């Protein structure tokens, strides 16, 4: 009888942990930030600086509208670490039509959105991708909803330069 009780307790514990983990990864308050980030990325893939600026202005507005009280503890901790740079990069991208300058700021924007997406969820798999040639040969990363490489740092010049280094679910 005690053996059955122990097995039931173990099963209940396992289920509660599994449910808790699943709840932590559902799309939440940051999903709109991620969605706007992907719009900026798509504009840079097309080397469309005007659309990148417009989408980045929308991203900045979305960043400013995030309700911190709606974030999980992990999201809040990550958010507070990256918020100043998120704002700065979104602002810089939105204020220029120089695609090179936009791409420079997209490097740190991507790094910070990656930190957020690791503790949150975009609602679907996200591909963390890397181009070794970007950033003057130092390499640069970005996030994509597509597994195929579409490089935002070189656009049509080297559209498929890069590789997926991580799939975030």
N, C-alpha and C. Protein backbone atom coordinates (compact mmCIF):
# COMPACT_ATOMS: atom_id res chain seq x y z
N UNK A 1 0.82 -1.19 0.00
CA UNK A 1 0.00 0.00 0.00
C UNK A 1 0.87 1.27 0.00
N UNK A 2 1.93 1.26 0.85
CA UNK A 2 2.81 2.43 0.89
C UNK A 2 3.53 2.62 -0.44
N UNK A 3 3.83 1.51 -1.09
CA UNK A 3 4.49 1.57 -2.39
C UNK A 3 3.61 2.26 -3.42
N UNK A 4 2.34 1.96 -3.41
CA UNK A 4 1.39 2.59 -4.34
C UNK A 4 1.27 4.08 -4.02
N UNK A 5 1.22 4.42 -2.74
CA UNK A 5 1.13 5.83 -2.35
C UNK A 5 2.37 6.60 -2.82
N UNK A 6 3.53 6.00 -2.66
CA UNK A 6 4.77 6.66 -3.09
C UNK A 6 4.78 6.86 -4.60
N UNK A 7 4.32 5.85 -5.33
CA UNK A 7 4.26 5.96 -6.78
C UNK A 7 3.30 7.07 -7.20
N UNK A 8 2.15 7.13 -6.55
CA UNK A 8 1.17 8.19 -6.86
C UNK A 8 1.74 9.57 -6.54
N UNK A 9 2.43 9.69 -5.42
CA UNK A 9 3.04 10.97 -5.05
C UNK A 9 4.10 11.37 -6.08
N UNK A 10 4.90 10.41 -6.50
CA UNK A 10 5.93 10.69 -7.50
C UNK A 10 5.31 11.14 -8.82
N UNK A 11 4.23 10.49 -9.22
CA UNK A 11 3.54 10.87 -10.46
C UNK A 11 2.95 12.27 -10.33
N UNK A 12 2.32 12.57 -9.20
CA UNK A 12 1.74 13.90 -8.99
C UNK A 12 2.82 14.98 -8.98
N UNK A 13 3.93 14.69 -8.36
CA UNK A 13 5.04 15.64 -8.33
C UNK A 13 5.56 15.89 -9.75
N UNK A 14 5.75 14.83 -10.50
CA UNK A 14 6.22 14.95 -11.87
C UNK A 14 5.24 15.76 -12.72
N UNK A 15 3.96 15.50 -12.56
CA UNK A 15 2.94 16.25 -13.31
C UNK A 15 2.95 17.72 -12.94
N UNK A 16 3.08 18.04 -11.67
CA UNK A 16 3.06 19.44 -11.26
C UNK A 16 4.28 20.19 -11.79
N UNK A 17 5.43 19.54 -11.80
CA UNK A 17 6.64 20.17 -12.35
C UNK A 17 6.48 20.38 -13.85
N UNK A 18 5.96 19.38 -14.56
CA UNK A 18 5.76 19.48 -16.01
C UNK A 18 4.78 20.59 -16.35
N UNK A 19 3.68 20.68 -15.63
CA UNK A 19 2.69 21.74 -15.87
C UNK A 19 3.30 23.09 -15.59
N UNK A 20 4.06 23.21 -14.51
CA UNK A 20 4.70 24.47 -14.17
C UNK A 20 5.67 24.92 -15.24
N UNK A 21 6.45 23.99 -15.78
CA UNK A 21 7.40 24.33 -16.84
C UNK A 21 6.66 24.74 -18.10
N UNK A 22 5.58 24.08 -18.43
CA UNK A 22 4.81 24.43 -19.63
C UNK A 22 4.22 25.82 -19.50
N UNK A 23 3.77 26.18 -18.31
CA UNK A 23 3.17 27.49 -18.11
C UNK A 23 4.22 28.59 -18.25
N UNK A 24 5.46 28.32 -17.86
CA UNK A 24 6.50 29.32 -17.96
C UNK A 24 6.83 29.68 -19.40
N UNK A 25 6.57 28.82 -20.37
CA UNK A 25 6.97 29.05 -21.74
C UNK A 25 5.81 29.44 -22.67
N UNK A 26 4.68 29.83 -22.12
CA UNK A 26 3.59 30.26 -22.99
C UNK A 26 3.82 31.72 -23.38
N UNK A 27 3.34 32.12 -24.55
CA UNK A 27 3.52 33.51 -24.97
C UNK A 27 2.90 34.45 -23.95
N UNK A 28 3.58 35.52 -23.65
CA UNK A 28 3.08 36.44 -22.64
C UNK A 28 3.28 37.88 -23.05
N UNK A 29 3.58 38.69 -22.07
CA UNK A 29 3.71 40.13 -22.23
C UNK A 29 4.77 40.53 -23.26
N UNK A 30 5.79 39.72 -23.43
CA UNK A 30 6.89 40.09 -24.34
C UNK A 30 6.68 39.66 -25.78
N UNK A 31 5.62 38.92 -26.06
CA UNK A 31 5.39 38.43 -27.43
C UNK A 31 5.33 39.57 -28.44
N UNK A 32 4.70 40.67 -28.09
CA UNK A 32 4.61 41.79 -29.03
C UNK A 32 5.99 42.41 -29.28
N UNK A 33 6.87 42.39 -28.28
CA UNK A 33 8.24 42.86 -28.48
C UNK A 33 8.94 41.96 -29.49
N UNK A 34 8.78 40.65 -29.31
CA UNK A 34 9.40 39.70 -30.24
C UNK A 34 8.85 39.87 -31.65
N UNK A 35 7.53 40.02 -31.76
CA UNK A 35 6.90 40.20 -33.08
C UNK A 35 7.45 41.44 -33.79
N UNK A 36 7.58 42.55 -33.05
CA UNK A 36 8.13 43.77 -33.66
C UNK A 36 9.60 43.59 -34.03
N UNK A 37 10.35 42.89 -33.21
CA UNK A 37 11.76 42.61 -33.53
C UNK A 37 11.85 41.88 -34.88
N UNK A 38 10.99 40.87 -35.07
CA UNK A 38 11.04 40.10 -36.32
C UNK A 38 10.68 40.98 -37.52
N UNK A 39 9.84 41.98 -37.34
CA UNK A 39 9.52 42.91 -38.43
C UNK A 39 10.74 43.76 -38.80
N UNK A 40 11.48 44.21 -37.78
CA UNK A 40 12.71 44.97 -38.04
C UNK A 40 13.71 44.08 -38.78
N UNK A 41 13.87 42.85 -38.30
CA UNK A 41 14.80 41.90 -38.94
C UNK A 41 14.43 41.69 -40.40
N UNK A 42 13.15 41.47 -40.68
CA UNK A 42 12.71 41.24 -42.06
C UNK A 42 13.00 42.44 -42.96
N UNK A 43 12.85 43.65 -42.43
CA UNK A 43 13.15 44.85 -43.21
C UNK A 43 14.65 44.93 -43.51
N UNK A 44 15.48 44.56 -42.54
CA UNK A 44 16.93 44.59 -42.77
C UNK A 44 17.36 43.50 -43.74
N UNK A 45 16.69 42.36 -43.74
CA UNK A 45 16.97 41.32 -44.74
C UNK A 45 16.78 41.89 -46.14
N UNK A 46 15.76 42.72 -46.31
CA UNK A 46 15.45 43.32 -47.61
C UNK A 46 16.24 44.61 -47.85
N UNK A 47 17.10 44.97 -46.89
CA UNK A 47 17.87 46.22 -46.95
C UNK A 47 16.97 47.44 -47.11
N UNK A 48 15.78 47.37 -46.54
CA UNK A 48 14.81 48.45 -46.62
C UNK A 48 14.91 49.30 -45.35
N UNK A 49 15.74 50.32 -45.42
CA UNK A 49 16.03 51.14 -44.23
C UNK A 49 14.80 51.92 -43.75
N UNK A 50 13.95 52.36 -44.68
CA UNK A 50 12.76 53.11 -44.27
C UNK A 50 11.80 52.23 -43.48
N UNK A 51 11.57 51.02 -43.97
CA UNK A 51 10.69 50.09 -43.25
C UNK A 51 11.33 49.68 -41.93
N UNK A 52 12.64 49.49 -41.91
CA UNK A 52 13.33 49.15 -40.66
C UNK A 52 13.14 50.26 -39.64
N UNK A 53 13.24 51.52 -40.09
CA UNK A 53 13.05 52.65 -39.19
C UNK A 53 11.61 52.69 -38.66
N UNK A 54 10.65 52.50 -39.53
CA UNK A 54 9.24 52.51 -39.13
C UNK A 54 8.94 51.38 -38.15
N UNK A 55 9.41 50.18 -38.48
CA UNK A 55 9.16 49.02 -37.61
C UNK A 55 9.89 49.17 -36.28
N UNK A 56 11.05 49.80 -36.30
CA UNK A 56 11.79 50.01 -35.06
C UNK A 56 11.11 51.05 -34.17
N UNK A 57 10.47 52.04 -34.79
CA UNK A 57 9.69 53.01 -34.00
C UNK A 57 8.53 52.29 -33.32
N UNK A 58 7.92 51.35 -34.03
CA UNK A 58 6.84 50.54 -33.44
C UNK A 58 7.40 49.66 -32.32
N UNK A 59 8.58 49.10 -32.53
CA UNK A 59 9.23 48.30 -31.50
C UNK A 59 9.49 49.14 -30.25
N UNK A 60 9.98 50.35 -30.44
CA UNK A 60 10.25 51.24 -29.31
C UNK A 60 8.98 51.53 -28.53
N UNK A 61 7.89 51.80 -29.24
CA UNK A 61 6.60 52.04 -28.56
C UNK A 61 6.15 50.81 -27.79
N UNK A 62 6.36 49.64 -28.37
CA UNK A 62 5.99 48.39 -27.71
C UNK A 62 6.84 48.17 -26.46
N UNK A 63 8.13 48.45 -26.56
CA UNK A 63 9.03 48.32 -25.40
C UNK A 63 8.54 49.21 -24.26
N UNK A 64 8.20 50.45 -24.60
CA UNK A 64 7.75 51.40 -23.58
C UNK A 64 6.41 51.01 -22.97
N UNK A 65 5.62 50.21 -23.68
CA UNK A 65 4.29 49.83 -23.21
C UNK A 65 4.26 48.52 -22.41
N UNK A 66 5.40 47.85 -22.29
CA UNK A 66 5.44 46.58 -21.55
C UNK A 66 5.04 46.83 -20.10
N UNK A 67 4.12 46.01 -19.63
CA UNK A 67 3.67 46.09 -18.23
C UNK A 67 4.54 45.15 -17.41
N UNK A 68 5.46 45.73 -16.68
CA UNK A 68 6.42 44.91 -15.95
C UNK A 68 5.75 44.01 -14.91
N UNK A 69 4.63 44.44 -14.37
CA UNK A 69 3.95 43.62 -13.37
C UNK A 69 3.37 42.34 -13.98
N UNK A 70 3.27 42.29 -15.30
CA UNK A 70 2.76 41.09 -15.98
C UNK A 70 3.87 40.09 -16.33
N UNK A 71 5.11 40.46 -16.11
CA UNK A 71 6.23 39.58 -16.43
C UNK A 71 6.45 38.55 -15.33
N UNK A 72 6.94 37.39 -15.72
CA UNK A 72 7.34 36.40 -14.72
C UNK A 72 8.60 36.93 -14.03
N UNK A 73 8.99 36.30 -12.96
CA UNK A 73 10.19 36.74 -12.24
C UNK A 73 11.43 36.68 -13.14
N UNK A 74 11.57 35.59 -13.88
CA UNK A 74 12.72 35.44 -14.78
C UNK A 74 12.69 36.48 -15.90
N UNK A 75 11.50 36.72 -16.46
CA UNK A 75 11.37 37.73 -17.52
C UNK A 75 11.71 39.11 -16.96
N UNK A 76 11.22 39.42 -15.77
CA UNK A 76 11.46 40.73 -15.16
C UNK A 76 12.95 40.96 -14.92
N UNK A 77 13.63 39.95 -14.42
CA UNK A 77 15.07 40.06 -14.17
C UNK A 77 15.82 40.33 -15.48
N UNK A 78 15.51 39.55 -16.51
CA UNK A 78 16.16 39.74 -17.82
C UNK A 78 15.79 41.10 -18.40
N UNK A 79 14.52 41.48 -18.30
CA UNK A 79 14.03 42.74 -18.84
C UNK A 79 14.79 43.92 -18.25
N UNK A 80 14.96 43.93 -16.94
CA UNK A 80 15.64 45.04 -16.29
C UNK A 80 17.11 45.14 -16.72
N UNK A 81 17.72 44.01 -17.04
CA UNK A 81 19.12 44.02 -17.49
C UNK A 81 19.26 44.59 -18.90
N UNK A 82 18.30 44.32 -19.77
CA UNK A 82 18.46 44.68 -21.19
C UNK A 82 17.69 45.94 -21.60
N UNK A 83 16.79 46.41 -20.76
CA UNK A 83 15.90 47.52 -21.14
C UNK A 83 16.63 48.76 -21.66
N UNK A 84 17.66 49.27 -20.98
CA UNK A 84 18.31 50.48 -21.50
C UNK A 84 18.86 50.31 -22.92
N UNK A 85 19.53 49.18 -23.18
CA UNK A 85 20.08 48.95 -24.52
C UNK A 85 18.98 48.69 -25.55
N UNK A 86 17.92 47.99 -25.14
CA UNK A 86 16.79 47.76 -26.07
C UNK A 86 16.26 49.10 -26.56
N UNK A 87 16.01 50.01 -25.63
CA UNK A 87 15.48 51.33 -26.00
C UNK A 87 16.46 52.07 -26.90
N UNK A 88 17.73 52.08 -26.50
CA UNK A 88 18.74 52.81 -27.27
C UNK A 88 18.85 52.28 -28.70
N UNK A 89 18.91 50.96 -28.84
CA UNK A 89 19.05 50.38 -30.18
C UNK A 89 17.81 50.61 -31.03
N UNK A 90 16.63 50.42 -30.46
CA UNK A 90 15.40 50.65 -31.21
C UNK A 90 15.30 52.12 -31.63
N UNK A 91 15.71 53.01 -30.74
CA UNK A 91 15.68 54.44 -31.04
C UNK A 91 16.64 54.77 -32.19
N UNK A 92 17.87 54.28 -32.11
CA UNK A 92 18.85 54.54 -33.17
C UNK A 92 18.38 54.02 -34.52
N UNK A 93 17.85 52.80 -34.54
CA UNK A 93 17.38 52.22 -35.80
C UNK A 93 16.22 53.04 -36.36
N UNK A 94 15.36 53.54 -35.47
CA UNK A 94 14.18 54.29 -35.93
C UNK A 94 14.51 55.69 -36.42
N UNK A 95 15.65 56.23 -36.01
CA UNK A 95 15.97 57.62 -36.32
C UNK A 95 16.88 57.81 -37.53
N UNK A 96 17.21 56.73 -38.22
CA UNK A 96 18.10 56.87 -39.37
C UNK A 96 17.60 56.03 -40.54
N UNK A 97 18.00 56.43 -41.73
CA UNK A 97 17.74 55.62 -42.92
C UNK A 97 19.05 55.03 -43.45
N UNK A 98 20.11 55.11 -42.63
CA UNK A 98 21.40 54.53 -42.98
C UNK A 98 21.37 53.06 -42.56
N UNK A 99 21.23 52.17 -43.53
CA UNK A 99 21.08 50.75 -43.23
C UNK A 99 22.31 50.18 -42.51
N UNK A 100 23.47 50.71 -42.77
CA UNK A 100 24.68 50.26 -42.07
C UNK A 100 24.60 50.57 -40.58
N UNK A 101 24.17 51.79 -40.26
CA UNK A 101 24.01 52.18 -38.85
C UNK A 101 22.91 51.35 -38.19
N UNK A 102 21.84 51.11 -38.92
CA UNK A 102 20.76 50.28 -38.39
C UNK A 102 21.27 48.87 -38.07
N UNK A 103 22.05 48.33 -38.97
CA UNK A 103 22.58 46.97 -38.76
C UNK A 103 23.56 46.92 -37.59
N UNK A 104 24.34 47.99 -37.40
CA UNK A 104 25.23 48.04 -36.24
C UNK A 104 24.43 47.92 -34.94
N UNK A 105 23.33 48.63 -34.86
CA UNK A 105 22.50 48.58 -33.64
C UNK A 105 21.68 47.30 -33.56
N UNK A 106 21.43 46.69 -34.69
CA UNK A 106 20.68 45.43 -34.69
C UNK A 106 21.49 44.31 -34.02
N UNK A 107 22.81 44.43 -34.02
CA UNK A 107 23.67 43.44 -33.37
C UNK A 107 23.35 43.35 -31.88
N UNK A 108 23.37 44.49 -31.19
CA UNK A 108 23.09 44.47 -29.75
C UNK A 108 21.60 44.28 -29.48
N UNK A 109 20.75 44.78 -30.37
CA UNK A 109 19.31 44.54 -30.21
C UNK A 109 19.05 43.03 -30.22
N UNK A 110 19.67 42.33 -31.14
CA UNK A 110 19.49 40.88 -31.24
C UNK A 110 20.01 40.15 -30.01
N UNK A 111 21.17 40.59 -29.52
CA UNK A 111 21.75 39.97 -28.31
C UNK A 111 20.78 40.10 -27.14
N UNK A 112 20.16 41.25 -27.01
CA UNK A 112 19.26 41.49 -25.88
C UNK A 112 17.91 40.80 -26.05
N UNK A 113 17.39 40.75 -27.26
CA UNK A 113 16.14 40.03 -27.49
C UNK A 113 16.36 38.54 -27.26
N UNK A 114 17.54 38.05 -27.61
CA UNK A 114 17.88 36.64 -27.33
C UNK A 114 17.82 36.36 -25.83
N UNK A 115 18.37 37.26 -25.02
CA UNK A 115 18.34 37.08 -23.56
C UNK A 115 16.90 37.01 -23.06
N UNK A 116 16.01 37.79 -23.66
CA UNK A 116 14.60 37.77 -23.26
C UNK A 116 13.90 36.50 -23.71
N UNK A 117 14.15 36.11 -24.93
CA UNK A 117 13.42 34.96 -25.49
C UNK A 117 13.83 33.66 -24.81
N UNK A 118 15.03 33.64 -24.23
CA UNK A 118 15.48 32.45 -23.50
C UNK A 118 14.66 32.22 -22.24
N UNK A 119 14.08 33.28 -21.67
CA UNK A 119 13.29 33.14 -20.44
C UNK A 119 11.80 33.31 -20.68
N UNK A 120 11.43 33.53 -21.93
CA UNK A 120 10.03 33.75 -22.27
C UNK A 120 9.65 32.83 -23.43
N UNK A 121 8.72 33.28 -24.26
CA UNK A 121 8.32 32.49 -25.43
C UNK A 121 7.77 33.41 -26.51
N UNK A 122 8.10 33.07 -27.73
CA UNK A 122 7.56 33.81 -28.87
C UNK A 122 6.29 33.15 -29.40
N UNK A 123 5.93 32.02 -28.83
CA UNK A 123 4.73 31.31 -29.25
C UNK A 123 4.97 30.25 -30.30
N UNK A 124 6.18 30.22 -30.86
CA UNK A 124 6.55 29.21 -31.85
C UNK A 124 8.07 29.06 -31.80
N UNK A 125 8.61 28.03 -32.43
CA UNK A 125 10.07 27.87 -32.41
C UNK A 125 10.77 29.10 -33.00
N UNK A 126 11.89 29.45 -32.39
CA UNK A 126 12.70 30.57 -32.86
C UNK A 126 14.10 30.04 -33.11
N UNK A 127 14.69 30.49 -34.21
CA UNK A 127 16.01 30.02 -34.62
C UNK A 127 17.03 31.12 -34.35
N UNK A 128 18.03 30.78 -33.54
CA UNK A 128 19.12 31.69 -33.23
C UNK A 128 20.20 31.43 -34.27
N UNK A 129 20.49 32.44 -35.09
CA UNK A 129 21.35 32.25 -36.24
C UNK A 129 22.58 33.15 -36.16
N UNK A 130 23.63 32.75 -36.87
CA UNK A 130 24.92 33.43 -36.76
C UNK A 130 25.56 33.59 -38.14
N UNK A 131 26.09 34.77 -38.38
CA UNK A 131 26.89 35.04 -39.58
C UNK A 131 28.31 35.35 -39.12
N UNK A 132 29.29 34.54 -39.53
CA UNK A 132 30.66 34.77 -39.07
C UNK A 132 31.32 36.00 -39.70
N UNK A 133 30.78 36.50 -40.79
CA UNK A 133 31.40 37.62 -41.50
C UNK A 133 30.88 38.98 -41.05
N UNK A 134 29.71 39.01 -40.45
CA UNK A 134 29.11 40.28 -40.03
C UNK A 134 29.94 40.93 -38.93
N UNK A 135 29.67 42.19 -38.68
CA UNK A 135 30.34 42.92 -37.60
C UNK A 135 31.85 42.96 -37.83
N UNK A 136 32.22 43.28 -39.06
CA UNK A 136 33.63 43.41 -39.46
C UNK A 136 34.43 42.14 -39.16
N UNK A 137 33.81 41.00 -39.43
CA UNK A 137 34.49 39.72 -39.26
C UNK A 137 34.44 39.15 -37.85
N UNK A 138 33.83 39.88 -36.92
CA UNK A 138 33.71 39.38 -35.54
C UNK A 138 32.53 38.42 -35.40
N UNK A 139 31.62 38.48 -36.37
CA UNK A 139 30.41 37.66 -36.32
C UNK A 139 29.29 38.38 -35.61
N UNK A 140 28.07 38.02 -35.98
CA UNK A 140 26.89 38.61 -35.34
C UNK A 140 25.75 37.61 -35.42
N UNK A 141 24.84 37.72 -34.48
CA UNK A 141 23.72 36.80 -34.36
C UNK A 141 22.40 37.53 -34.58
N UNK A 142 21.36 36.75 -34.84
CA UNK A 142 20.01 37.27 -34.94
C UNK A 142 19.03 36.14 -34.68
N UNK A 143 17.78 36.50 -34.50
CA UNK A 143 16.71 35.54 -34.27
C UNK A 143 15.79 35.53 -35.47
N UNK A 144 15.24 34.35 -35.77
CA UNK A 144 14.34 34.23 -36.91
C UNK A 144 13.24 33.22 -36.59
N UNK A 145 12.09 33.42 -37.20
CA UNK A 145 11.00 32.46 -37.09
C UNK A 145 11.13 31.37 -38.15
N UNK A 146 12.05 31.56 -39.08
CA UNK A 146 12.27 30.62 -40.18
C UNK A 146 13.59 29.88 -39.98
N UNK A 147 13.59 28.59 -40.27
CA UNK A 147 14.83 27.82 -40.12
C UNK A 147 15.84 28.15 -41.21
N UNK A 148 15.38 28.55 -42.38
CA UNK A 148 16.28 28.93 -43.47
C UNK A 148 16.96 30.25 -43.17
N UNK A 149 18.20 30.38 -43.61
CA UNK A 149 18.98 31.59 -43.34
C UNK A 149 18.58 32.72 -44.28
N UNK A 150 18.22 33.85 -43.69
CA UNK A 150 18.00 35.10 -44.41
C UNK A 150 18.73 36.16 -43.59
N UNK A 151 19.91 36.50 -44.04
CA UNK A 151 20.85 37.32 -43.28
C UNK A 151 20.45 38.80 -43.26
N UNK A 152 20.17 39.36 -42.07
CA UNK A 152 19.81 40.77 -41.99
C UNK A 152 21.02 41.71 -42.05
N UNK A 153 22.22 41.17 -41.96
CA UNK A 153 23.41 42.01 -41.96
C UNK A 153 23.96 42.29 -43.35
N UNK A 154 23.62 41.44 -44.31
CA UNK A 154 24.11 41.63 -45.67
C UNK A 154 23.00 41.68 -46.71
N UNK A 155 21.78 41.35 -46.34
CA UNK A 155 20.68 41.39 -47.30
C UNK A 155 20.97 40.54 -48.52
N UNK A 156 20.65 41.05 -49.69
CA UNK A 156 20.79 40.27 -50.92
C UNK A 156 22.26 40.01 -51.29
N UNK A 157 23.19 40.78 -50.73
CA UNK A 157 24.62 40.56 -51.03
C UNK A 157 25.07 39.16 -50.62
N UNK A 158 24.63 38.73 -49.45
CA UNK A 158 24.97 37.39 -48.94
C UNK A 158 23.78 36.87 -48.13
N UNK A 159 22.67 36.74 -48.80
CA UNK A 159 21.40 36.42 -48.14
C UNK A 159 21.46 35.15 -47.30
N UNK A 160 22.17 34.15 -47.77
CA UNK A 160 22.17 32.86 -47.06
C UNK A 160 23.45 32.61 -46.27
N UNK A 161 24.24 33.65 -46.03
CA UNK A 161 25.45 33.49 -45.24
C UNK A 161 25.08 33.33 -43.77
N UNK A 162 25.41 32.20 -43.20
CA UNK A 162 25.16 31.97 -41.79
C UNK A 162 24.67 30.57 -41.52
N UNK A 163 24.40 30.31 -40.26
CA UNK A 163 23.88 29.00 -39.87
C UNK A 163 23.05 29.14 -38.60
N UNK A 164 22.18 28.18 -38.39
CA UNK A 164 21.39 28.13 -37.17
C UNK A 164 22.25 27.49 -36.09
N UNK A 165 22.39 28.18 -34.96
CA UNK A 165 23.21 27.65 -33.87
C UNK A 165 22.37 27.12 -32.71
N UNK A 166 21.08 27.51 -32.68
CA UNK A 166 20.21 27.04 -31.60
C UNK A 166 18.76 27.18 -32.03
N UNK A 167 17.95 26.22 -31.64
CA UNK A 167 16.51 26.31 -31.83
C UNK A 167 15.88 26.47 -30.45
N UNK A 168 15.15 27.55 -30.27
CA UNK A 168 14.53 27.86 -28.99
C UNK A 168 13.05 27.55 -29.10
N UNK A 169 12.57 26.68 -28.23
CA UNK A 169 11.16 26.27 -28.28
C UNK A 169 10.38 26.82 -27.12
